[in-house]
PDB file of N, CA and C in Angstrom:
ATOM      1  N   MET A   1       0.838  -1.175   0.000  1.00  0.00           N
ATOM      2  CA  MET A   1       0.000   0.000   0.000  1.00  0.00           C
ATOM      3  C   MET A   1       0.886   1.243   0.000  1.00  0.00           C
ATOM      4  N   ASP A   2       0.532   2.209  -0.803  1.00  0.00           N
ATOM      5  CA  ASP A   2       1.351   3.399  -0.943  1.00  0.00           C
ATOM      6  C   ASP A   2       0.836   4.602  -0.160  1.00  0.00           C
ATOM      7  N   LEU A   3      -0.114   4.408   0.732  1.00  0.00           N
ATOM      8  CA  LEU A   3      -0.679   5.501   1.515  1.00  0.00           C
ATOM      9  C   LEU A   3       0.032   5.602   2.856  1.00  0.00           C
ATOM     10  N   GLU A   4       0.456   6.799   3.214  1.00  0.00           N
ATOM     11  CA  GLU A   4       1.166   7.020   4.468  1.00  0.00           C
ATOM     12  C   GLU A   4       0.461   8.135   5.239  1.00  0.00           C
ATOM     13  N   PRO A   5      -0.079   7.833   6.412  1.00  0.00           N
ATOM     14  CA  PRO A   5      -0.757   8.870   7.192  1.00  0.00           C
ATOM     15  C   PRO A   5       0.242   9.798   7.871  1.00  0.00           C
ATOM     16  N   ILE A   6      -0.163  11.049   8.097  1.00  0.00           N
ATOM     17  CA  ILE A   6       0.643  12.021   8.836  1.00  0.00           C
ATOM     18  C   ILE A   6      -0.271  12.761   9.804  1.00  0.00           C
ATOM     19  N   ASN A   7       0.335  13.586  10.643  1.00  0.00           N
ATOM     20  CA  ASN A   7      -0.407  14.480  11.545  1.00  0.00           C
ATOM     21  C   ASN A   7      -1.438  13.758  12.414  1.00  0.00           C
ATOM     22  N   GLY A   8      -1.039  12.664  13.030  1.00  0.00           N
ATOM     23  CA  GLY A   8      -1.913  11.974  13.971  1.00  0.00           C
ATOM     24  C   GLY A   8      -3.086  11.247  13.348  1.00  0.00           C
ATOM     25  N   CYS A   9      -2.904  10.778  12.117  1.00  0.00           N
ATOM     26  CA  CYS A   9      -3.966  10.046  11.421  1.00  0.00           C
ATOM     27  C   CYS A   9      -3.610   8.571  11.295  1.00  0.00           C
ATOM     28  N   VAL A  10      -4.618   7.793  10.941  1.00  0.00           N
ATOM     29  CA  VAL A  10      -4.433   6.400  10.563  1.00  0.00           C
ATOM     30  C   VAL A  10      -5.041   6.213   9.182  1.00  0.00           C
ATOM     31  N   VAL A  11      -4.551   5.205   8.460  1.00  0.00           N
ATOM     32  CA  VAL A  11      -5.189   4.797   7.211  1.00  0.00           C
ATOM     33  C   VAL A  11      -6.088   3.628   7.547  1.00  0.00           C
ATOM     34  N   VAL A  12      -7.366   3.746   7.181  1.00  0.00           N
ATOM     35  CA  VAL A  12      -8.350   2.722   7.470  1.00  0.00           C
ATOM     36  C   VAL A  12      -8.871   2.147   6.159  1.00  0.00           C
ATOM     37  N   GLU A  13      -8.821   0.829   6.024  1.00  0.00           N
ATOM     38  CA  GLU A  13      -9.476   0.158   4.899  1.00  0.00           C
ATOM     39  C   GLU A  13     -10.948   0.046   5.268  1.00  0.00           C
ATOM     40  N   ILE A  14     -11.793   0.700   4.497  1.00  0.00           N
ATOM     41  CA  ILE A  14     -13.216   0.736   4.814  1.00  0.00           C
ATOM     42  C   ILE A  14     -13.833  -0.626   4.525  1.00  0.00           C
ATOM     43  N   THR A  15     -14.451  -1.208   5.555  1.00  0.00           N
ATOM     44  CA  THR A  15     -15.043  -2.536   5.417  1.00  0.00           C
ATOM     45  C   THR A  15     -16.537  -2.539   5.671  1.00  0.00           C
ATOM     46  N   GLY A  16     -17.053  -1.510   6.331  1.00  0.00           N
ATOM     47  CA  GLY A  16     -18.472  -1.457   6.657  1.00  0.00           C
ATOM     48  C   GLY A  16     -19.187  -0.395   5.868  1.00  0.00           C
ATOM     49  N   GLU A  17     -20.447  -0.654   5.614  1.00  0.00           N
ATOM     50  CA  GLU A  17     -21.268   0.321   4.900  1.00  0.00           C
ATOM     51  C   GLU A  17     -21.512   1.532   5.780  1.00  0.00           C
ATOM     52  N   LEU A  18     -21.599   2.678   5.141  1.00  0.00           N
ATOM     53  CA  LEU A  18     -21.941   3.887   5.872  1.00  0.00           C
ATOM     54  C   LEU A  18     -23.397   3.819   6.312  1.00  0.00           C
ATOM     55  N   THR A  19     -23.640   4.231   7.527  1.00  0.00           N
ATOM     56  CA  THR A  19     -24.993   4.327   8.047  1.00  0.00           C
ATOM     57  C   THR A  19     -25.267   5.799   8.306  1.00  0.00           C
ATOM     58  N   ILE A  20     -26.301   6.338   7.713  1.00  0.00           N
ATOM     59  CA  ILE A  20     -26.611   7.752   7.893  1.00  0.00           C
ATOM     60  C   ILE A  20     -27.660   7.878   8.993  1.00  0.00           C
ATOM     61  N   ILE A  21     -27.350   8.719   9.970  1.00  0.00           N
ATOM     62  CA  ILE A  21     -28.234   8.925  11.107  1.00  0.00           C
ATOM     63  C   ILE A  21     -28.701  10.375  11.088  1.00  0.00           C
ATOM     64  N   GLU A  22     -30.007  10.604  11.051  1.00  0.00           N
ATOM     65  CA  GLU A  22     -30.530  11.973  11.081  1.00  0.00           C
ATOM     66  C   GLU A  22     -30.541  12.454  12.521  1.00  0.00           C
ATOM     67  N   MET A  23     -29.932  13.609  12.730  1.00  0.00           N
ATOM     68  CA  MET A  23     -29.859  14.185  14.061  1.00  0.00           C
ATOM     69  C   MET A  23     -31.028  15.147  14.251  1.00  0.00           C
ATOM     70  N   PRO A  24     -31.414  15.454  15.497  1.00  0.00           N
ATOM     71  CA  PRO A  24     -32.561  16.333  15.751  1.00  0.00           C
ATOM     72  C   PRO A  24     -32.437  17.723  15.119  1.00  0.00           C
ATOM     73  N   ASP A  25     -31.236  18.248  14.993  1.00  0.00           N
ATOM     74  CA  ASP A  25     -31.061  19.595  14.446  1.00  0.00           C
ATOM     75  C   ASP A  25     -30.899  19.589  12.928  1.00  0.00           C
ATOM     76  N   LYS A  26     -31.431  18.574  12.281  1.00  0.00           N
ATOM     77  CA  LYS A  26     -31.441  18.433  10.815  1.00  0.00           C
ATOM     78  C   LYS A  26     -30.053  18.219  10.221  1.00  0.00           C
ATOM     79  N   GLN A  27     -29.064  17.894  11.052  1.00  0.00           N
ATOM     80  CA  GLN A  27     -27.761  17.524  10.553  1.00  0.00           C
ATOM     81  C   GLN A  27     -27.715  16.012  10.445  1.00  0.00           C
ATOM     82  N   TYR A  28     -26.715  15.510   9.742  1.00  0.00           N
ATOM     83  CA  TYR A  28     -26.590  14.075   9.555  1.00  0.00           C
ATOM     84  C   TYR A  28     -25.221  13.612  10.043  1.00  0.00           C
ATOM     85  N   ALA A  29     -25.198  12.471  10.672  1.00  0.00           N
ATOM     86  CA  ALA A  29     -23.943  11.843  11.080  1.00  0.00           C
ATOM     87  C   ALA A  29     -23.839  10.521  10.336  1.00  0.00           C
ATOM     88  N   THR A  30     -22.644  10.186   9.907  1.00  0.00           N
ATOM     89  CA  THR A  30     -22.448   8.897   9.260  1.00  0.00           C
ATOM     90  C   THR A  30     -21.473   8.078  10.090  1.00  0.00           C
ATOM     91  N   ASN A  31     -21.737   6.797  10.168  1.00  0.00           N
ATOM     92  CA  ASN A  31     -20.870   5.900  10.925  1.00  0.00           C
ATOM     93  C   ASN A  31     -20.431   4.773  10.018  1.00  0.00           C
ATOM     94  N   THR A  32     -19.207   4.354  10.185  1.00  0.00           N
ATOM     95  CA  THR A  32     -18.690   3.265   9.373  1.00  0.00           C
ATOM     96  C   THR A  32     -17.643   2.497  10.159  1.00  0.00           C
ATOM     97  N   THR A  33     -17.208   1.381   9.602  1.00  0.00           N
ATOM     98  CA  THR A  33     -16.169   0.567  10.217  1.00  0.00           C
ATOM     99  C   THR A  33     -15.070   0.314   9.196  1.00  0.00           C
ATOM    100  N   GLY A  34     -13.925  -0.024   9.713  1.00  0.00           N
ATOM    101  CA  GLY A  34     -12.807  -0.347   8.843  1.00  0.00           C
ATOM    102  C   GLY A  34     -11.685  -0.955   9.642  1.00  0.00           C
ATOM    103  N   THR A  35     -10.638  -1.350   8.939  1.00  0.00           N
ATOM    104  CA  THR A  35      -9.475  -1.966   9.560  1.00  0.00           C
ATOM    105  C   THR A  35      -8.280  -1.047   9.398  1.00  0.00           C
ATOM    106  N   VAL A  36      -7.588  -0.763  10.490  1.00  0.00           N
ATOM    107  CA  VAL A  36      -6.421   0.118  10.454  1.00  0.00           C
ATOM    108  C   VAL A  36      -5.286  -0.579   9.725  1.00  0.00           C
ATOM    109  N   LYS A  37      -4.742   0.100   8.716  1.00  0.00           N
ATOM    110  CA  LYS A  37      -3.656  -0.458   7.912  1.00  0.00           C
ATOM    111  C   LYS A  37      -2.337   0.279   8.097  1.00  0.00           C
ATOM    112  N   ALA A  38      -2.378   1.501   8.615  1.00  0.00           N
ATOM    113  CA  ALA A  38      -1.146   2.258   8.868  1.00  0.00           C
ATOM    114  C   ALA A  38      -1.428   3.314   9.921  1.00  0.00           C
ATOM    115  N   VAL A  39      -0.408   3.602  10.745  1.00  0.00           N
ATOM    116  CA  VAL A  39      -0.492   4.615  11.784  1.00  0.00           C
ATOM    117  C   VAL A  39       0.589   5.646  11.499  1.00  0.00           C
ATOM    118  N   ALA A  40       0.255   6.932  11.637  1.00  0.00           N
ATOM    119  CA  ALA A  40       1.222   8.003  11.393  1.00  0.00           C
ATOM    120  C   ALA A  40       2.465   7.805  12.258  1.00  0.00           C
ATOM    121  N   GLN A  41       3.625   8.054  11.671  1.00  0.00           N
ATOM    122  CA  GLN A  41       4.889   7.890  12.394  1.00  0.00           C
ATOM    123  C   GLN A  41       4.930   8.737  13.669  1.00  0.00           C
ATOM    124  N   ASP A  42       4.318   9.941  13.633  1.00  0.00           N
ATOM    125  CA  ASP A  42       4.333  10.800  14.817  1.00  0.00           C
ATOM    126  C   ASP A  42       3.430  10.277  15.933  1.00  0.00           C
ATOM    127  N   SER A  43       2.662   9.235  15.657  1.00  0.00           N
ATOM    128  CA  SER A  43       1.767   8.647  16.659  1.00  0.00           C
ATOM    129  C   SER A  43       2.271   7.305  17.183  1.00  0.00           C
ATOM    130  N   LEU A  44       3.369   6.821  16.614  1.00  0.00           N
ATOM    131  CA  LEU A  44       3.955   5.562  17.078  1.00  0.00           C
ATOM    132  C   LEU A  44       4.826   5.843  18.275  1.00  0.00           C
ATOM    133  N   PRO A  45       5.023   4.966  19.215  1.00  0.00           N
ATOM    134  CA  PRO A  45       4.426   3.650  19.347  1.00  0.00           C
ATOM    135  C   PRO A  45       3.094   3.657  20.099  1.00  0.00           C
ATOM    136  N   ASP A  46       2.641   4.853  20.548  1.00  0.00           N
ATOM    137  CA  ASP A  46       1.445   4.935  21.393  1.00  0.00           C
ATOM    138  C   ASP A  46       0.207   4.283  20.790  1.00  0.00           C
ATOM    139  N   TYR A  47       0.043   4.381  19.465  1.00  0.00           N
ATOM    140  CA  TYR A  47      -1.172   3.880  18.839  1.00  0.00           C
ATOM    141  C   TYR A  47      -0.927   2.685  17.922  1.00  0.00           C
ATOM    142  N   TYR A  48       0.236   2.065  18.046  1.00  0.00           N
ATOM    143  CA  TYR A  48       0.520   0.899  17.209  1.00  0.00           C
ATOM    144  C   TYR A  48      -0.451  -0.248  17.493  1.00  0.00           C
ATOM    145  N   TYR A  49      -0.990  -0.296  18.702  1.00  0.00           N
ATOM    146  CA  TYR A  49      -1.933  -1.369  19.053  1.00  0.00           C
ATOM    147  C   TYR A  49      -3.175  -1.357  18.149  1.00  0.00           C
ATOM    148  N   LEU A  50      -3.431  -0.258  17.446  1.00  0.00           N
ATOM    149  CA  LEU A  50      -4.588  -0.187  16.548  1.00  0.00           C
ATOM    150  C   LEU A  50      -4.364  -0.894  15.211  1.00  0.00           C
ATOM    151  N   MET A  51      -3.121  -1.243  14.901  1.00  0.00           N
ATOM    152  CA  MET A  51      -2.830  -1.909  13.628  1.00  0.00           C
ATOM    153  C   MET A  51      -3.663  -3.175  13.487  1.00  0.00           C
ATOM    154  N   ASP A  52      -4.312  -3.312  12.336  1.00  0.00           N
ATOM    155  CA  ASP A  52      -5.140  -4.462  11.983  1.00  0.00           C
ATOM    156  C   ASP A  52      -6.376  -4.642  12.872  1.00  0.00           C
ATOM    157  N   LYS A  53      -6.715  -3.630  13.671  1.00  0.00           N
ATOM    158  CA  LYS A  53      -7.930  -3.677  14.487  1.00  0.00           C
ATOM    159  C   LYS A  53      -9.101  -3.125  13.672  1.00  0.00           C
ATOM    160  N   VAL A  54     -10.296  -3.661  13.932  1.00  0.00           N
ATOM    161  CA  VAL A  54     -11.520  -3.101  13.369  1.00  0.00           C
ATOM    162  C   VAL A  54     -11.891  -1.901  14.236  1.00  0.00           C
ATOM    163  N   VAL A  55     -12.047  -0.740  13.580  1.00  0.00           N
ATOM    164  CA  VAL A  55     -12.348   0.497  14.291  1.00  0.00           C
ATOM    165  C   VAL A  55     -13.678   1.067  13.812  1.00  0.00           C
ATOM    166  N   TYR A  56     -14.249   1.909  14.645  1.00  0.00           N
ATOM    167  CA  TYR A  56     -15.513   2.581  14.335  1.00  0.00           C
ATOM    168  C   TYR A  56     -15.251   4.077  14.323  1.00  0.00           C
ATOM    169  N   PHE A  57     -15.813   4.770  13.340  1.00  0.00           N
ATOM    170  CA  PHE A  57     -15.607   6.211  13.235  1.00  0.00           C
ATOM    171  C   PHE A  57     -16.724   6.817  12.407  1.00  0.00           C
ATOM    172  N   GLU A  58     -16.843   8.143  12.502  1.00  0.00           N
ATOM    173  CA  GLU A  58     -17.803   8.845  11.674  1.00  0.00           C
ATOM    174  C   GLU A  58     -17.227   8.936  10.274  1.00  0.00           C
ATOM    175  N   GLY A  59     -18.028   8.682   9.274  1.00  0.00           N
ATOM    176  CA  GLY A  59     -17.558   8.679   7.894  1.00  0.00           C
ATOM    177  C   GLY A  59     -17.174  10.060   7.399  1.00  0.00           C
ATOM    178  N   PHE A  60     -16.127  10.102   6.604  1.00  0.00           N
ATOM    179  CA  PHE A  60     -15.660  11.340   5.998  1.00  0.00           C
ATOM    180  C   PHE A  60     -15.471  11.079   4.523  1.00  0.00           C
ATOM    181  N   LYS A  61     -16.496  11.292   3.728  1.00  0.00           N
ATOM    182  CA  LYS A  61     -16.437  10.942   2.316  1.00  0.00           C
ATOM    183  C   LYS A  61     -15.370  11.746   1.565  1.00  0.00           C
ATOM    184  N   ASP A  62     -15.038  12.937   2.046  1.00  0.00           N
ATOM    185  CA  ASP A  62     -14.067  13.756   1.329  1.00  0.00           C
ATOM    186  C   ASP A  62     -12.632  13.286   1.492  1.00  0.00           C
ATOM    187  N   VAL A  63     -12.390  12.309   2.355  1.00  0.00           N
ATOM    188  CA  VAL A  63     -11.027  11.807   2.528  1.00  0.00           C
ATOM    189  C   VAL A  63     -10.893  10.348   2.111  1.00  0.00           C
ATOM    190  N   GLU A  64     -11.918   9.819   1.437  1.00  0.00           N
ATOM    191  CA  GLU A  64     -11.824   8.448   0.944  1.00  0.00           C
ATOM    192  C   GLU A  64     -10.891   8.400  -0.256  1.00  0.00           C
ATOM    193  N   VAL A  65     -10.066   7.365  -0.301  1.00  0.00           N
ATOM    194  CA  VAL A  65      -9.092   7.196  -1.377  1.00  0.00           C
ATOM    195  C   VAL A  65      -9.249   5.793  -1.951  1.00  0.00           C
ATOM    196  N   PRO A  66      -9.721   5.676  -3.189  1.00  0.00           N
ATOM    197  CA  PRO A  66      -9.838   4.339  -3.790  1.00  0.00           C
ATOM    198  C   PRO A  66      -8.486   3.852  -4.305  1.00  0.00           C
ATOM    199  N   ARG A  67      -8.174   2.586  -4.055  1.00  0.00           N
ATOM    200  CA  ARG A  67      -6.950   1.953  -4.565  1.00  0.00           C
ATOM    201  C   ARG A  67      -7.293   0.518  -4.912  1.00  0.00           C
ATOM    202  N   ASP A  68      -7.158   0.137  -6.168  1.00  0.00           N
ATOM    203  CA  ASP A  68      -7.386  -1.251  -6.597  1.00  0.00           C
ATOM    204  C   ASP A  68      -8.713  -1.802  -6.076  1.00  0.00           C
ATOM    205  N   ASP A  69      -9.786  -1.059  -6.280  1.00  0.00           N
ATOM    206  CA  ASP A  69     -11.137  -1.460  -5.877  1.00  0.00           C
ATOM    207  C   ASP A  69     -11.325  -1.580  -4.367  1.00  0.00           C
ATOM    208  N   ILE A  70     -10.426  -1.021  -3.599  1.00  0.00           N
ATOM    209  CA  ILE A  70     -10.545  -0.983  -2.145  1.00  0.00           C
ATOM    210  C   ILE A  70     -10.608   0.485  -1.738  1.00  0.00           C
ATOM    211  N   LYS A  71     -11.499   0.816  -0.811  1.00  0.00           N
ATOM    212  CA  LYS A  71     -11.602   2.191  -0.333  1.00  0.00           C
ATOM    213  C   LYS A  71     -10.857   2.327   0.982  1.00  0.00           C
ATOM    214  N   TYR A  72     -10.030   3.356   1.042  1.00  0.00           N
ATOM    215  CA  TYR A  72      -9.301   3.693   2.257  1.00  0.00           C
ATOM    216  C   TYR A  72      -9.729   5.083   2.693  1.00  0.00           C
ATOM    217  N   ALA A  73      -9.480   5.411   3.949  1.00  0.00           N
ATOM    218  CA  ALA A  73      -9.756   6.750   4.450  1.00  0.00           C
ATOM    219  C   ALA A  73      -8.648   7.149   5.416  1.00  0.00           C
ATOM    220  N   PHE A  74      -8.298   8.426   5.377  1.00  0.00           N
ATOM    221  CA  PHE A  74      -7.415   9.001   6.381  1.00  0.00           C
ATOM    222  C   PHE A  74      -8.307   9.514   7.495  1.00  0.00           C
ATOM    223  N   VAL A  75      -8.102   9.013   8.711  1.00  0.00           N
ATOM    224  CA  VAL A  75      -8.947   9.384   9.846  1.00  0.00           C
ATOM    225  C   VAL A  75      -8.043   9.821  10.992  1.00  0.00           C
ATOM    226  N   LYS A  76      -8.360  10.969  11.592  1.00  0.00           N
ATOM    227  CA  LYS A  76      -7.622  11.421  12.772  1.00  0.00           C
ATOM    228  C   LYS A  76      -7.853  10.424  13.902  1.00  0.00           C
ATOM    229  N   ILE A  77      -6.806  10.136  14.640  1.00  0.00           N
ATOM    230  CA  ILE A  77      -6.910   9.176  15.745  1.00  0.00           C
ATOM    231  C   ILE A  77      -7.983   9.616  16.737  1.00  0.00           C
ATOM    232  N   GLU A  78      -8.072  10.911  17.017  1.00  0.00           N
ATOM    233  CA  GLU A  78      -9.081  11.361  17.983  1.00  0.00           C
ATOM    234  C   GLU A  78     -10.510  11.238  17.456  1.00  0.00           C
ATOM    235  N   ASP A  79     -10.673  11.005  16.152  1.00  0.00           N
ATOM    236  CA  ASP A  79     -12.013  10.806  15.586  1.00  0.00           C
ATOM    237  C   ASP A  79     -12.456   9.346  15.609  1.00  0.00           C
ATOM    238  N   LEU A  80     -11.568   8.448  15.992  1.00  0.00           N
ATOM    239  CA  LEU A  80     -11.958   7.046  16.149  1.00  0.00           C
ATOM    240  C   LEU A  80     -12.826   6.942  17.389  1.00  0.00           C
ATOM    241  N   ARG A  81     -13.910   6.190  17.302  1.00  0.00           N
ATOM    242  CA  ARG A  81     -14.845   6.075  18.418  1.00  0.00           C
ATOM    243  C   ARG A  81     -14.638   4.811  19.232  1.00  0.00           C
ATOM    244  N   GLY A  82     -13.916   3.847  18.693  1.00  0.00           N
ATOM    245  CA  GLY A  82     -13.668   2.608  19.417  1.00  0.00           C
ATOM    246  C   GLY A  82     -13.109   1.557  18.489  1.00  0.00           C
ATOM    247  N   TYR A  83     -12.745   0.411  19.054  1.00  0.00           N
ATOM    248  CA  TYR A  83     -12.207  -0.698  18.276  1.00  0.00           C
ATOM    249  C   TYR A  83     -12.646  -2.017  18.882  1.00  0.00           C
ATOM    250  N   VAL A  84     -12.517  -3.077  18.100  1.00  0.00           N
ATOM    251  CA  VAL A  84     -12.889  -4.419  18.550  1.00  0.00           C
ATOM    252  C   VAL A  84     -11.665  -5.061  19.197  1.00  0.00           C
ATOM    253  N   LYS A  85     -11.824  -5.492  20.443  1.00  0.00           N
ATOM    254  CA  LYS A  85     -10.729  -6.154  21.138  1.00  0.00           C
ATOM    255  C   LYS A  85     -10.573  -7.593  20.655  1.00  0.00           C
ATOM    256  N   THR A  86      -9.350  -8.079  20.691  1.00  0.00           N
ATOM    257  CA  THR A  86      -9.092  -9.476  20.357  1.00  0.00           C
ATOM    258  C   THR A  86      -9.295 -10.326  21.617  1.00  0.00           C
ATOM    259  N   GLN A  87      -9.290 -11.645  21.447  1.00  0.00           N
ATOM    260  CA  GLN A  87      -9.437 -12.561  22.585  1.00  0.00           C
ATOM    261  C   GLN A  87      -8.362 -12.320  23.637  1.00  0.00           C
ATOM    262  N   GLN A  88      -7.121 -12.047  23.182  1.00  0.00           N
ATOM    263  CA  GLN A  88      -6.007 -11.855  24.113  1.00  0.00           C
ATOM    264  C   GLN A  88      -6.179 -10.583  24.941  1.00  0.00           C
ATOM    265  N   GLU A  89      -6.891  -9.587  24.418  1.00  0.00           N
ATOM    266  CA  GLU A  89      -7.077  -8.327  25.136  1.00  0.00           C
ATOM    267  C   GLU A  89      -8.218  -8.391  26.151  1.00  0.00           C
ATOM    268  N   ASN A  90      -9.074  -9.378  26.023  1.00  0.00           N
ATOM    269  CA  ASN A  90     -10.227  -9.462  26.941  1.00  0.00           C
ATOM    270  C   ASN A  90      -9.868  -9.988  28.285  1.00  0.00           C
TER     271      ASN A  90
END
């Protein structure tokens, strides 16, 4: 993969469909899932544990990058809402 995150971002391979949620103030929030494929060098080693984890975040269509029929997104680490723990982490 030729994508390299910077400035506290991760590269996420988008694996889940976007879900659009209508908010009371007529705004919309989108949620999606994906797998972390790269962590910005300035965020290592603190966030290396996110590598290959399934993460949840609000969708950002303007930062999606298609590569070989796979969609990736650059997502700020602070915009990640959570991740799926492995058996060893439980």
